[in-house]
Amino acid sequence: MIENQLHLAEQARLEMEQLHSHHEDLVVQAKEERDAILAEARKIRDKMYDDVKIRAEEERQHILEDAQKTIHFEKMKALTDIQNFVANTSIEIAEKILRQELSDREQQQQLVEKLAHEVKYN
C-alpha cells in the first residue's frame, strides 16, 4: 500500500509538472499573442498618424495656394486701381491746363503756332 501511495504520489508529481509546463506554455503563448496585438495596434496607430499628417499637409498646401491666388488677385486689382487713378488724374490735370492755356484767344494762337513748328513733316 505504501508502494501504491508512492506510485500515486509520483504520478501526481508528474501530472503537476506537466500542468506546470502546460501553464508556462500558455503564459508564453499569451505573451506572444499580446505582443502581436500590440505590434498590430502600433502599426494601425502609425498608419493613422501618417494619414492625418498627409491630409494636413495637403490641406495646408491647398490653403497656401488659395492665399497666394488671392494675394495675386488683390495685387493686380490694386495695380489696376492705381493705374486707373493715375490715368484719370492725368486727364483731369491735362484738361485743366488746356482750359487755362486756351482761355484766351491770343494764347490759343501762340500754342497752335508753337505746336505747328514742333511737328516734323515727312
PDB file of N, CA and C in Angstrom:
ATOM      1  N   MET A   1       0.825  -1.178   0.000  1.00  0.00           N
ATOM      2  CA  MET A   1       0.000   0.000   0.000  1.00  0.00           C
ATOM      3  C   MET A   1       0.881   1.257   0.000  1.00  0.00           C
ATOM      4  N   ILE A   2       1.989   1.198   0.705  1.00  0.00           N
ATOM      5  CA  ILE A   2       2.898   2.332   0.722  1.00  0.00           C
ATOM      6  C   ILE A   2       3.487   2.514  -0.682  1.00  0.00           C
ATOM      7  N   GLU A   3       3.809   1.355  -1.274  1.00  0.00           N
ATOM      8  CA  GLU A   3       4.340   1.431  -2.616  1.00  0.00           C
ATOM      9  C   GLU A   3       3.309   2.043  -3.558  1.00  0.00           C
ATOM     10  N   ASN A   4       2.078   1.675  -3.415  1.00  0.00           N
ATOM     11  CA  ASN A   4       1.000   2.212  -4.245  1.00  0.00           C
ATOM     12  C   ASN A   4       0.872   3.709  -3.995  1.00  0.00           C
ATOM     13  N   GLN A   5       0.947   4.112  -2.750  1.00  0.00           N
ATOM     14  CA  GLN A   5       0.850   5.534  -2.418  1.00  0.00           C
ATOM     15  C   GLN A   5       2.032   6.307  -2.997  1.00  0.00           C
ATOM     16  N   LEU A   6       3.213   5.706  -2.949  1.00  0.00           N
ATOM     17  CA  LEU A   6       4.387   6.353  -3.533  1.00  0.00           C
ATOM     18  C   LEU A   6       4.226   6.469  -5.049  1.00  0.00           C
ATOM     19  N   HIS A   7       3.690   5.419  -5.628  1.00  0.00           N
ATOM     20  CA  HIS A   7       3.446   5.438  -7.074  1.00  0.00           C
ATOM     21  C   HIS A   7       2.427   6.522  -7.421  1.00  0.00           C
ATOM     22  N   LEU A   8       1.353   6.628  -6.661  1.00  0.00           N
ATOM     23  CA  LEU A   8       0.336   7.664  -6.906  1.00  0.00           C
ATOM     24  C   LEU A   8       0.927   9.060  -6.690  1.00  0.00           C
ATOM     25  N   ALA A   9       1.756   9.176  -5.692  1.00  0.00           N
ATOM     26  CA  ALA A   9       2.390  10.471  -5.431  1.00  0.00           C
ATOM     27  C   ALA A   9       3.304  10.850  -6.595  1.00  0.00           C
ATOM     28  N   GLU A  10       4.030   9.862  -7.109  1.00  0.00           N
ATOM     29  CA  GLU A  10       4.914  10.115  -8.255  1.00  0.00           C
ATOM     30  C   GLU A  10       4.101  10.529  -9.466  1.00  0.00           C
ATOM     31  N   GLN A  11       2.970   9.869  -9.686  1.00  0.00           N
ATOM     32  CA  GLN A  11       2.094  10.215 -10.810  1.00  0.00           C
ATOM     33  C   GLN A  11       1.544  11.642 -10.626  1.00  0.00           C
ATOM     34  N   ALA A  12       1.163  11.953  -9.408  1.00  0.00           N
ATOM     35  CA  ALA A  12       0.639  13.295  -9.125  1.00  0.00           C
ATOM     36  C   ALA A  12       1.721  14.340  -9.387  1.00  0.00           C
ATOM     37  N   ARG A  13       2.952  14.026  -8.973  1.00  0.00           N
ATOM     38  CA  ARG A  13       4.066  14.956  -9.199  1.00  0.00           C
ATOM     39  C   ARG A  13       4.300  15.148 -10.702  1.00  0.00           C
ATOM     40  N   LEU A  14       4.264  14.047 -11.459  1.00  0.00           N
ATOM     41  CA  LEU A  14       4.449  14.132 -12.908  1.00  0.00           C
ATOM     42  C   LEU A  14       3.326  14.953 -13.562  1.00  0.00           C
ATOM     43  N   GLU A  15       2.102  14.715 -13.102  1.00  0.00           N
ATOM     44  CA  GLU A  15       0.965  15.487 -13.632  1.00  0.00           C
ATOM     45  C   GLU A  15       1.116  16.962 -13.293  1.00  0.00           C
ATOM     46  N   MET A  16       1.592  17.255 -12.088  1.00  0.00           N
ATOM     47  CA  MET A  16       1.803  18.639 -11.683  1.00  0.00           C
ATOM     48  C   MET A  16       2.888  19.289 -12.560  1.00  0.00           C
ATOM     49  N   GLU A  17       3.928  18.534 -12.846  1.00  0.00           N
ATOM     50  CA  GLU A  17       4.987  19.054 -13.711  1.00  0.00           C
ATOM     51  C   GLU A  17       4.436  19.325 -15.108  1.00  0.00           C
ATOM     52  N   GLN A  18       3.604  18.381 -15.602  1.00  0.00           N
ATOM     53  CA  GLN A  18       3.002  18.568 -16.924  1.00  0.00           C
ATOM     54  C   GLN A  18       2.079  19.790 -16.919  1.00  0.00           C
ATOM     55  N   LEU A  19       1.278  19.912 -15.849  1.00  0.00           N
ATOM     56  CA  LEU A  19       0.377  21.067 -15.753  1.00  0.00           C
ATOM     57  C   LEU A  19       1.180  22.362 -15.656  1.00  0.00           C
ATOM     58  N   HIS A  20       2.233  22.309 -14.875  1.00  0.00           N
ATOM     59  CA  HIS A  20       3.079  23.500 -14.735  1.00  0.00           C
ATOM     60  C   HIS A  20       3.717  23.852 -16.100  1.00  0.00           C
ATOM     61  N   SER A  21       4.204  22.850 -16.808  1.00  0.00           N
ATOM     62  CA  SER A  21       4.799  23.050 -18.119  1.00  0.00           C
ATOM     63  C   SER A  21       3.747  23.584 -19.090  1.00  0.00           C
ATOM     64  N   HIS A  22       2.543  23.008 -19.036  1.00  0.00           N
ATOM     65  CA  HIS A  22       1.443  23.458 -19.896  1.00  0.00           C
ATOM     66  C   HIS A  22       1.071  24.905 -19.546  1.00  0.00           C
ATOM     67  N   HIS A  23       1.044  25.189 -18.252  1.00  0.00           N
ATOM     68  CA  HIS A  23       0.735  26.556 -17.805  1.00  0.00           C
ATOM     69  C   HIS A  23       1.789  27.545 -18.333  1.00  0.00           C
ATOM     70  N   GLU A  24       3.049  27.184 -18.258  1.00  0.00           N
ATOM     71  CA  GLU A  24       4.119  28.043 -18.769  1.00  0.00           C
ATOM     72  C   GLU A  24       3.991  28.224 -20.280  1.00  0.00           C
ATOM     73  N   ASP A  25       3.618  27.156 -20.983  1.00  0.00           N
ATOM     74  CA  ASP A  25       3.402  27.264 -22.435  1.00  0.00           C
ATOM     75  C   ASP A  25       2.263  28.239 -22.727  1.00  0.00           C
ATOM     76  N   LEU A  26       1.177  28.146 -21.931  1.00  0.00           N
ATOM     77  CA  LEU A  26       0.042  29.057 -22.119  1.00  0.00           C
ATOM     78  C   LEU A  26       0.451  30.504 -21.842  1.00  0.00           C
ATOM     79  N   VAL A  27       1.269  30.703 -20.819  1.00  0.00           N
ATOM     80  CA  VAL A  27       1.729  32.059 -20.490  1.00  0.00           C
ATOM     81  C   VAL A  27       2.585  32.598 -21.636  1.00  0.00           C
ATOM     82  N   VAL A  28       3.486  31.778 -22.167  1.00  0.00           N
ATOM     83  CA  VAL A  28       4.332  32.198 -23.291  1.00  0.00           C
ATOM     84  C   VAL A  28       3.461  32.511 -24.502  1.00  0.00           C
ATOM     85  N   GLN A  29       2.491  31.653 -24.777  1.00  0.00           N
ATOM     86  CA  GLN A  29       1.595  31.860 -25.915  1.00  0.00           C
ATOM     87  C   GLN A  29       0.789  33.150 -25.728  1.00  0.00           C
ATOM     88  N   ALA A  30       0.291  33.380 -24.511  1.00  0.00           N
ATOM     89  CA  ALA A  30      -0.479  34.602 -24.229  1.00  0.00           C
ATOM     90  C   ALA A  30       0.396  35.838 -24.423  1.00  0.00           C
ATOM     91  N   LYS A  31       1.654  35.777 -23.988  1.00  0.00           N
ATOM     92  CA  LYS A  31       2.566  36.905 -24.169  1.00  0.00           C
ATOM     93  C   LYS A  31       2.835  37.151 -25.649  1.00  0.00           C
ATOM     94  N   GLU A  32       2.998  36.073 -26.413  1.00  0.00           N
ATOM     95  CA  GLU A  32       3.235  36.225 -27.855  1.00  0.00           C
ATOM     96  C   GLU A  32       2.023  36.847 -28.536  1.00  0.00           C
ATOM     97  N   GLU A  33       0.822  36.402 -28.150  1.00  0.00           N
ATOM     98  CA  GLU A  33      -0.406  36.970 -28.723  1.00  0.00           C
ATOM     99  C   GLU A  33      -0.541  38.442 -28.334  1.00  0.00           C
ATOM    100  N   ARG A  34      -0.235  38.755 -27.060  1.00  0.00           N
ATOM    101  CA  ARG A  34      -0.295  40.145 -26.599  1.00  0.00           C
ATOM    102  C   ARG A  34       0.674  41.000 -27.401  1.00  0.00           C
ATOM    103  N   ASP A  35       1.910  40.511 -27.602  1.00  0.00           N
ATOM    104  CA  ASP A  35       2.905  41.257 -28.358  1.00  0.00           C
ATOM    105  C   ASP A  35       2.464  41.467 -29.807  1.00  0.00           C
ATOM    106  N   ALA A  36       1.852  40.428 -30.387  1.00  0.00           N
ATOM    107  CA  ALA A  36       1.363  40.548 -31.763  1.00  0.00           C
ATOM    108  C   ALA A  36       0.247  41.587 -31.847  1.00  0.00           C
ATOM    109  N   ILE A  37      -0.668  41.574 -30.871  1.00  0.00           N
ATOM    110  CA  ILE A  37      -1.777  42.543 -30.847  1.00  0.00           C
ATOM    111  C   ILE A  37      -1.225  43.957 -30.676  1.00  0.00           C
ATOM    112  N   LEU A  38      -0.261  44.129 -29.771  1.00  0.00           N
ATOM    113  CA  LEU A  38       0.334  45.448 -29.557  1.00  0.00           C
ATOM    114  C   LEU A  38       1.078  45.929 -30.808  1.00  0.00           C
ATOM    115  N   ALA A  39       1.786  45.025 -31.469  1.00  0.00           N
ATOM    116  CA  ALA A  39       2.504  45.396 -32.693  1.00  0.00           C
ATOM    117  C   ALA A  39       1.517  45.842 -33.776  1.00  0.00           C
ATOM    118  N   GLU A  40       0.417  45.108 -33.909  1.00  0.00           N
ATOM    119  CA  GLU A  40      -0.611  45.475 -34.892  1.00  0.00           C
ATOM    120  C   GLU A  40      -1.238  46.819 -34.531  1.00  0.00           C
ATOM    121  N   ALA A  41      -1.492  47.038 -33.245  1.00  0.00           N
ATOM    122  CA  ALA A  41      -2.061  48.313 -32.797  1.00  0.00           C
ATOM    123  C   ALA A  41      -1.098  49.462 -33.105  1.00  0.00           C
ATOM    124  N   ARG A  42       0.194  49.242 -32.909  1.00  0.00           N
ATOM    125  CA  ARG A  42       1.184  50.279 -33.227  1.00  0.00           C
ATOM    126  C   ARG A  42       1.187  50.582 -34.726  1.00  0.00           C
ATOM    127  N   LYS A  43       1.098  49.515 -35.540  1.00  0.00           N
ATOM    128  CA  LYS A  43       1.066  49.720 -36.993  1.00  0.00           C
ATOM    129  C   LYS A  43      -0.156  50.552 -37.386  1.00  0.00           C
ATOM    130  N   ILE A  44      -1.300  50.211 -36.809  1.00  0.00           N
ATOM    131  CA  ILE A  44      -2.535  50.949 -37.120  1.00  0.00           C
ATOM    132  C   ILE A  44      -2.403  52.402 -36.668  1.00  0.00           C
ATOM    133  N   ARG A  45      -1.858  52.607 -35.460  1.00  0.00           N
ATOM    134  CA  ARG A  45      -1.668  53.963 -34.947  1.00  0.00           C
ATOM    135  C   ARG A  45      -0.744  54.756 -35.859  1.00  0.00           C
ATOM    136  N   ASP A  46       0.373  54.143 -36.262  1.00  0.00           N
ATOM    137  CA  ASP A  46       1.327  54.831 -37.131  1.00  0.00           C
ATOM    138  C   ASP A  46       0.701  55.150 -38.489  1.00  0.00           C
ATOM    139  N   LYS A  47      -0.072  54.224 -39.016  1.00  0.00           N
ATOM    140  CA  LYS A  47      -0.747  54.452 -40.303  1.00  0.00           C
ATOM    141  C   LYS A  47      -1.736  55.608 -40.192  1.00  0.00           C
ATOM    142  N   MET A  48      -2.508  55.601 -39.105  1.00  0.00           N
ATOM    143  CA  MET A  48      -3.471  56.685 -38.899  1.00  0.00           C
ATOM    144  C   MET A  48      -2.742  58.020 -38.764  1.00  0.00           C
ATOM    145  N   TYR A  49      -1.644  58.027 -38.018  1.00  0.00           N
ATOM    146  CA  TYR A  49      -0.864  59.249 -37.837  1.00  0.00           C
ATOM    147  C   TYR A  49      -0.336  59.744 -39.184  1.00  0.00           C
ATOM    148  N   ASP A  50       0.207  58.825 -39.982  1.00  0.00           N
ATOM    149  CA  ASP A  50       0.727  59.199 -41.296  1.00  0.00           C
ATOM    150  C   ASP A  50      -0.377  59.729 -42.197  1.00  0.00           C
ATOM    151  N   ASP A  51      -1.552  59.077 -42.163  1.00  0.00           N
ATOM    152  CA  ASP A  51      -2.680  59.531 -42.981  1.00  0.00           C
ATOM    153  C   ASP A  51      -3.110  60.942 -42.582  1.00  0.00           C
ATOM    154  N   VAL A  52      -3.207  61.179 -41.287  1.00  0.00           N
ATOM    155  CA  VAL A  52      -3.615  62.504 -40.807  1.00  0.00           C
ATOM    156  C   VAL A  52      -2.556  63.539 -41.190  1.00  0.00           C
ATOM    157  N   LYS A  53      -1.308  63.172 -41.068  1.00  0.00           N
ATOM    158  CA  LYS A  53      -0.214  64.084 -41.416  1.00  0.00           C
ATOM    159  C   LYS A  53      -0.265  64.435 -42.905  1.00  0.00           C
ATOM    160  N   ILE A  54      -0.500  63.434 -43.743  1.00  0.00           N
ATOM    161  CA  ILE A  54      -0.580  63.669 -45.189  1.00  0.00           C
ATOM    162  C   ILE A  54      -1.766  64.570 -45.513  1.00  0.00           C
ATOM    163  N   ARG A  55      -2.927  64.272 -44.914  1.00  0.00           N
ATOM    164  CA  ARG A  55      -4.115  65.108 -45.172  1.00  0.00           C
ATOM    165  C   ARG A  55      -3.889  66.544 -44.689  1.00  0.00           C
ATOM    166  N   ALA A  56      -3.244  66.697 -43.550  1.00  0.00           N
ATOM    167  CA  ALA A  56      -2.965  68.037 -43.031  1.00  0.00           C
ATOM    168  C   ALA A  56      -2.024  68.793 -43.977  1.00  0.00           C
ATOM    169  N   GLU A  57      -1.019  68.112 -44.496  1.00  0.00           N
ATOM    170  CA  GLU A  57      -0.086  68.748 -45.428  1.00  0.00           C
ATOM    171  C   GLU A  57      -0.804  69.138 -46.721  1.00  0.00           C
ATOM    172  N   GLU A  58      -1.677  68.259 -47.218  1.00  0.00           N
ATOM    173  CA  GLU A  58      -2.439  68.579 -48.426  1.00  0.00           C
ATOM    174  C   GLU A  58      -3.349  69.785 -48.181  1.00  0.00           C
ATOM    175  N   GLU A  59      -3.995  69.825 -47.038  1.00  0.00           N
ATOM    176  CA  GLU A  59      -4.879  70.950 -46.692  1.00  0.00           C
ATOM    177  C   GLU A  59      -4.066  72.234 -46.544  1.00  0.00           C
ATOM    178  N   ARG A  60      -2.888  72.136 -45.911  1.00  0.00           N
ATOM    179  CA  ARG A  60      -2.020  73.304 -45.758  1.00  0.00           C
ATOM    180  C   ARG A  60      -1.599  73.834 -47.125  1.00  0.00           C
ATOM    181  N   GLN A  61      -1.246  72.916 -48.017  1.00  0.00           N
ATOM    182  CA  GLN A  61      -0.831  73.302 -49.359  1.00  0.00           C
ATOM    183  C   GLN A  61      -1.985  73.960 -50.110  1.00  0.00           C
ATOM    184  N   HIS A  62      -3.176  73.403 -49.960  1.00  0.00           N
ATOM    185  CA  HIS A  62      -4.360  73.969 -50.618  1.00  0.00           C
ATOM    186  C   HIS A  62      -4.640  75.379 -50.098  1.00  0.00           C
ATOM    187  N   ILE A  63      -4.567  75.555 -48.789  1.00  0.00           N
ATOM    188  CA  ILE A  63      -4.801  76.872 -48.184  1.00  0.00           C
ATOM    189  C   ILE A  63      -3.744  77.862 -48.658  1.00  0.00           C
ATOM    190  N   LEU A  64      -2.495  77.411 -48.707  1.00  0.00           N
ATOM    191  CA  LEU A  64      -1.405  78.270 -49.160  1.00  0.00           C
ATOM    192  C   LEU A  64      -1.610  78.694 -50.612  1.00  0.00           C
ATOM    193  N   GLU A  65      -1.988  77.756 -51.468  1.00  0.00           N
ATOM    194  CA  GLU A  65      -2.234  78.085 -52.878  1.00  0.00           C
ATOM    195  C   GLU A  65      -3.388  79.075 -53.012  1.00  0.00           C
ATOM    196  N   ASP A  66      -4.471  78.850 -52.254  1.00  0.00           N
ATOM    197  CA  ASP A  66      -5.600  79.780 -52.291  1.00  0.00           C
ATOM    198  C   ASP A  66      -5.178  81.171 -51.828  1.00  0.00           C
ATOM    199  N   ALA A  67      -4.370  81.223 -50.779  1.00  0.00           N
ATOM    200  CA  ALA A  67      -3.903  82.513 -50.269  1.00  0.00           C
ATOM    201  C   ALA A  67      -3.032  83.218 -51.306  1.00  0.00           C
ATOM    202  N   GLN A  68      -2.163  82.458 -51.973  1.00  0.00           N
ATOM    203  CA  GLN A  68      -1.306  83.058 -52.999  1.00  0.00           C
ATOM    204  C   GLN A  68      -2.138  83.584 -54.169  1.00  0.00           C
ATOM    205  N   LYS A  69      -3.156  82.828 -54.564  1.00  0.00           N
ATOM    206  CA  LYS A  69      -4.038  83.284 -55.646  1.00  0.00           C
ATOM    207  C   LYS A  69      -4.776  84.554 -55.232  1.00  0.00           C
ATOM    208  N   THR A  70      -5.264  84.574 -54.001  1.00  0.00           N
ATOM    209  CA  THR A  70      -5.985  85.749 -53.504  1.00  0.00           C
ATOM    210  C   THR A  70      -5.066  86.957 -53.446  1.00  0.00           C
ATOM    211  N   ILE A  71      -3.851  86.755 -52.954  1.00  0.00           N
ATOM    212  CA  ILE A  71      -2.884  87.855 -52.876  1.00  0.00           C
ATOM    213  C   ILE A  71      -2.574  88.382 -54.276  1.00  0.00           C
ATOM    214  N   HIS A  72      -2.357  87.472 -55.227  1.00  0.00           N
ATOM    215  CA  HIS A  72      -2.066  87.890 -56.606  1.00  0.00           C
ATOM    216  C   HIS A  72      -3.250  88.667 -57.186  1.00  0.00           C
ATOM    217  N   PHE A  73      -4.461  88.159 -56.973  1.00  0.00           N
ATOM    218  CA  PHE A  73      -5.651  88.840 -57.485  1.00  0.00           C
ATOM    219  C   PHE A  73      -5.776  90.235 -56.876  1.00  0.00           C
ATOM    220  N   GLU A  74      -5.604  90.325 -55.556  1.00  0.00           N
ATOM    221  CA  GLU A  74      -5.720  91.621 -54.883  1.00  0.00           C
ATOM    222  C   GLU A  74      -4.623  92.583 -55.348  1.00  0.00           C
ATOM    223  N   LYS A  75      -3.426  92.069 -55.581  1.00  0.00           N
ATOM    224  CA  LYS A  75      -2.314  92.891 -56.065  1.00  0.00           C
ATOM    225  C   LYS A  75      -2.641  93.446 -57.454  1.00  0.00           C
ATOM    226  N   MET A  76      -3.133  92.563 -58.334  1.00  0.00           N
ATOM    227  CA  MET A  76      -3.477  93.005 -59.689  1.00  0.00           C
ATOM    228  C   MET A  76      -4.616  94.029 -59.647  1.00  0.00           C
ATOM    229  N   LYS A  77      -5.577  93.800 -58.770  1.00  0.00           N
ATOM    230  CA  LYS A  77      -6.694  94.733 -58.620  1.00  0.00           C
ATOM    231  C   LYS A  77      -6.177  96.086 -58.134  1.00  0.00           C
ATOM    232  N   ALA A  78      -5.277  96.067 -57.152  1.00  0.00           N
ATOM    233  CA  ALA A  78      -4.719  97.317 -56.632  1.00  0.00           C
ATOM    234  C   ALA A  78      -3.920  98.052 -57.710  1.00  0.00           C
ATOM    235  N   LEU A  79      -3.125  97.307 -58.476  1.00  0.00           N
ATOM    236  CA  LEU A  79      -2.359  97.932 -59.553  1.00  0.00           C
ATOM    237  C   LEU A  79      -3.279  98.548 -60.606  1.00  0.00           C
ATOM    238  N   THR A  80      -4.333  97.834 -60.936  1.00  0.00           N
ATOM    239  CA  THR A  80      -5.305  98.356 -61.910  1.00  0.00           C
ATOM    240  C   THR A  80      -5.975  99.609 -61.369  1.00  0.00           C
ATOM    241  N   ASP A  81      -6.347  99.573 -60.093  1.00  0.00           N
ATOM    242  CA  ASP A  81      -6.967 100.752 -59.480  1.00  0.00           C
ATOM    243  C   ASP A  81      -6.014 101.941 -59.488  1.00  0.00           C
ATOM    244  N   ILE A  82      -4.735 101.684 -59.192  1.00  0.00           N
ATOM    245  CA  ILE A  82      -3.737 102.767 -59.202  1.00  0.00           C
ATOM    246  C   ILE A  82      -3.562 103.309 -60.610  1.00  0.00           C
ATOM    247  N   GLN A  83      -3.472 102.414 -61.602  1.00  0.00           N
ATOM    248  CA  GLN A  83      -3.313 102.854 -62.988  1.00  0.00           C
ATOM    249  C   GLN A  83      -4.513 103.692 -63.432  1.00  0.00           C
ATOM    250  N   ASN A  84      -5.702 103.233 -63.082  1.00  0.00           N
ATOM    251  CA  ASN A  84      -6.912 103.990 -63.446  1.00  0.00           C
ATOM    252  C   ASN A  84      -6.919 105.359 -62.767  1.00  0.00           C
ATOM    253  N   PHE A  85      -6.523 105.388 -61.486  1.00  0.00           N
ATOM    254  CA  PHE A  85      -6.488 106.655 -60.759  1.00  0.00           C
ATOM    255  C   PHE A  85      -5.493 107.612 -61.402  1.00  0.00           C
ATOM    256  N   VAL A  86      -4.285 107.097 -61.711  1.00  0.00           N
ATOM    257  CA  VAL A  86      -3.260 107.945 -62.329  1.00  0.00           C
ATOM    258  C   VAL A  86      -3.737 108.445 -63.695  1.00  0.00           C
ATOM    259  N   ALA A  87      -4.340 107.557 -64.473  1.00  0.00           N
ATOM    260  CA  ALA A  87      -4.831 107.959 -65.805  1.00  0.00           C
ATOM    261  C   ALA A  87      -5.921 109.027 -65.678  1.00  0.00           C
ATOM    262  N   ASN A  88      -6.878 108.811 -64.809  1.00  0.00           N
ATOM    263  CA  ASN A  88      -7.957 109.790 -64.634  1.00  0.00           C
ATOM    264  C   ASN A  88      -7.424 111.118 -64.108  1.00  0.00           C
ATOM    265  N   THR A  89      -6.499 111.038 -63.161  1.00  0.00           N
ATOM    266  CA  THR A  89      -5.913 112.264 -62.612  1.00  0.00           C
ATOM    267  C   THR A  89      -5.132 113.009 -63.689  1.00  0.00           C
ATOM    268  N   SER A  90      -4.385 112.270 -64.499  1.00  0.00           N
ATOM    269  CA  SER A  90      -3.609 112.898 -65.586  1.00  0.00           C
ATOM    270  C   SER A  90      -4.536 113.586 -66.578  1.00  0.00           C
ATOM    271  N   ILE A  91      -5.619 112.944 -66.910  1.00  0.00           N
ATOM    272  CA  ILE A  91      -6.583 113.531 -67.852  1.00  0.00           C
ATOM    273  C   ILE A  91      -7.192 114.800 -67.257  1.00  0.00           C
ATOM    274  N   GLU A  92      -7.567 114.740 -65.982  1.00  0.00           N
ATOM    275  CA  GLU A  92      -8.152 115.918 -65.335  1.00  0.00           C
ATOM    276  C   GLU A  92      -7.162 117.077 -65.305  1.00  0.00           C
ATOM    277  N   ILE A  93      -5.902 116.763 -64.968  1.00  0.00           N
ATOM    278  CA  ILE A  93      -4.877 117.807 -64.920  1.00  0.00           C
ATOM    279  C   ILE A  93      -4.667 118.391 -66.315  1.00  0.00           C
ATOM    280  N   ALA A  94      -4.593 117.507 -67.317  1.00  0.00           N
ATOM    281  CA  ALA A  94      -4.401 117.984 -68.695  1.00  0.00           C
ATOM    282  C   ALA A  94      -5.566 118.871 -69.129  1.00  0.00           C
ATOM    283  N   GLU A  95      -6.777 118.477 -68.787  1.00  0.00           N
ATOM    284  CA  GLU A  95      -7.949 119.299 -69.139  1.00  0.00           C
ATOM    285  C   GLU A  95      -7.862 120.674 -68.499  1.00  0.00           C
ATOM    286  N   LYS A  96      -7.511 120.697 -67.229  1.00  0.00           N
ATOM    287  CA  LYS A  96      -7.432 121.975 -66.513  1.00  0.00           C
ATOM    288  C   LYS A  96      -6.336 122.861 -67.102  1.00  0.00           C
ATOM    289  N   ILE A  97      -5.192 122.240 -67.421  1.00  0.00           N
ATOM    290  CA  ILE A  97      -4.102 123.021 -68.025  1.00  0.00           C
ATOM    291  C   ILE A  97      -4.530 123.567 -69.371  1.00  0.00           C
ATOM    292  N   LEU A  98      -5.165 122.743 -70.204  1.00  0.00           N
ATOM    293  CA  LEU A  98      -5.588 123.196 -71.540  1.00  0.00           C
ATOM    294  C   LEU A  98      -6.662 124.275 -71.441  1.00  0.00           C
ATOM    295  N   ARG A  99      -7.594 124.130 -70.530  1.00  0.00           N
ATOM    296  CA  ARG A  99      -8.633 125.158 -70.363  1.00  0.00           C
ATOM    297  C   ARG A  99      -8.000 126.491 -69.992  1.00  0.00           C
ATOM    298  N   GLN A 100      -7.037 126.427 -69.058  1.00  0.00           N
ATOM    299  CA  GLN A 100      -6.396 127.668 -68.616  1.00  0.00           C
ATOM    300  C   GLN A 100      -5.573 128.264 -69.747  1.00  0.00           C
ATOM    301  N   GLU A 101      -4.813 127.430 -70.445  1.00  0.00           N
ATOM    302  CA  GLU A 101      -3.950 127.943 -71.505  1.00  0.00           C
ATOM    303  C   GLU A 101      -4.742 128.437 -72.709  1.00  0.00           C
ATOM    304  N   LEU A 102      -5.885 127.812 -72.945  1.00  0.00           N
ATOM    305  CA  LEU A 102      -6.659 128.177 -74.130  1.00  0.00           C
ATOM    306  C   LEU A 102      -7.823 129.112 -73.805  1.00  0.00           C
ATOM    307  N   SER A 103      -7.841 129.644 -72.624  1.00  0.00           N
ATOM    308  CA  SER A 103      -8.950 130.511 -72.244  1.00  0.00           C
ATOM    309  C   SER A 103      -8.906 131.855 -72.984  1.00  0.00           C
ATOM    310  N   ASP A 104      -7.775 132.186 -73.391  1.00  0.00           N
ATOM    311  CA  ASP A 104      -7.688 133.465 -74.102  1.00  0.00           C
ATOM    312  C   ASP A 104      -7.250 133.204 -75.541  1.00  0.00           C
ATOM    313  N   ARG A 105      -7.820 133.984 -76.480  1.00  0.00           N
ATOM    314  CA  ARG A 105      -7.643 133.768 -77.927  1.00  0.00           C
ATOM    315  C   ARG A 105      -6.178 133.916 -78.334  1.00  0.00           C
ATOM    316  N   GLU A 106      -5.488 134.847 -77.785  1.00  0.00           N
ATOM    317  CA  GLU A 106      -4.099 135.078 -78.142  1.00  0.00           C
ATOM    318  C   GLU A 106      -3.224 133.895 -77.714  1.00  0.00           C
ATOM    319  N   GLN A 107      -3.475 133.385 -76.522  1.00  0.00           N
ATOM    320  CA  GLN A 107      -2.717 132.211 -76.044  1.00  0.00           C
ATOM    321  C   GLN A 107      -2.984 131.001 -76.927  1.00  0.00           C
ATOM    322  N   GLN A 108      -4.228 130.872 -77.401  1.00  0.00           N
ATOM    323  CA  GLN A 108      -4.566 129.752 -78.277  1.00  0.00           C
ATOM    324  C   GLN A 108      -3.749 129.833 -79.560  1.00  0.00           C
ATOM    325  N   GLN A 109      -3.684 131.014 -80.119  1.00  0.00           N
ATOM    326  CA  GLN A 109      -2.959 131.219 -81.368  1.00  0.00           C
ATOM    327  C   GLN A 109      -1.474 130.913 -81.179  1.00  0.00           C
ATOM    328  N   GLN A 110      -0.903 131.355 -80.076  1.00  0.00           N
ATOM    329  CA  GLN A 110       0.515 131.108 -79.801  1.00  0.00           C
ATOM    330  C   GLN A 110       0.787 129.604 -79.649  1.00  0.00           C
ATOM    331  N   LEU A 111      -0.101 128.893 -78.953  1.00  0.00           N
ATOM    332  CA  LEU A 111       0.072 127.454 -78.746  1.00  0.00           C
ATOM    333  C   LEU A 111      -0.010 126.703 -80.065  1.00  0.00           C
ATOM    334  N   VAL A 112      -0.968 127.090 -80.912  1.00  0.00           N
ATOM    335  CA  VAL A 112      -1.117 126.427 -82.207  1.00  0.00           C
ATOM    336  C   VAL A 112       0.135 126.637 -83.036  1.00  0.00           C
ATOM    337  N   GLU A 113       0.661 127.838 -83.068  1.00  0.00           N
ATOM    338  CA  GLU A 113       1.872 128.118 -83.836  1.00  0.00           C
ATOM    339  C   GLU A 113       3.066 127.335 -83.292  1.00  0.00           C
ATOM    340  N   LYS A 114       3.182 127.312 -81.986  1.00  0.00           N
ATOM    341  CA  LYS A 114       4.287 126.578 -81.357  1.00  0.00           C
ATOM    342  C   LYS A 114       4.222 125.092 -81.709  1.00  0.00           C
ATOM    343  N   LEU A 115       3.036 124.506 -81.586  1.00  0.00           N
ATOM    344  CA  LEU A 115       2.875 123.085 -81.895  1.00  0.00           C
ATOM    345  C   LEU A 115       3.100 122.819 -83.376  1.00  0.00           C
ATOM    346  N   ALA A 116       2.710 123.732 -84.209  1.00  0.00           N
ATOM    347  CA  ALA A 116       2.902 123.556 -85.649  1.00  0.00           C
ATOM    348  C   ALA A 116       4.387 123.526 -85.987  1.00  0.00           C
ATOM    349  N   HIS A 117       5.189 124.331 -85.319  1.00  0.00           N
ATOM    350  CA  HIS A 117       6.629 124.341 -85.571  1.00  0.00           C
ATOM    351  C   HIS A 117       7.304 123.084 -85.024  1.00  0.00           C
ATOM    352  N   GLU A 118       6.736 122.518 -83.942  1.00  0.00           N
ATOM    353  CA  GLU A 118       7.332 121.325 -83.330  1.00  0.00           C
ATOM    354  C   GLU A 118       7.048 120.059 -84.114  1.00  0.00           C
ATOM    355  N   VAL A 119       5.957 120.068 -84.885  1.00  0.00           N
ATOM    356  CA  VAL A 119       5.583 118.868 -85.637  1.00  0.00           C
ATOM    357  C   VAL A 119       6.566 118.703 -86.781  1.00  0.00           C
ATOM    358  N   LYS A 120       7.060 117.502 -86.926  1.00  0.00           N
ATOM    359  CA  LYS A 120       8.007 117.210 -88.013  1.00  0.00           C
ATOM    360  C   LYS A 120       7.238 116.670 -89.203  1.00  0.00           C
ATOM    361  N   TYR A 121       7.497 117.200 -90.306  1.00  0.00           N
ATOM    362  CA  TYR A 121       6.847 116.747 -91.522  1.00  0.00           C
ATOM    363  C   TYR A 121       7.730 115.721 -92.214  1.00  0.00           C
ATOM    364  N   ASN A 122       7.102 114.713 -92.794  1.00  0.00           N
ATOM    365  CA  ASN A 122       7.874 113.683 -93.506  1.00  0.00           C
ATOM    366  C   ASN A 122       8.254 114.131 -94.863  1.00  0.00           C
TER     367      ASN A 122
END
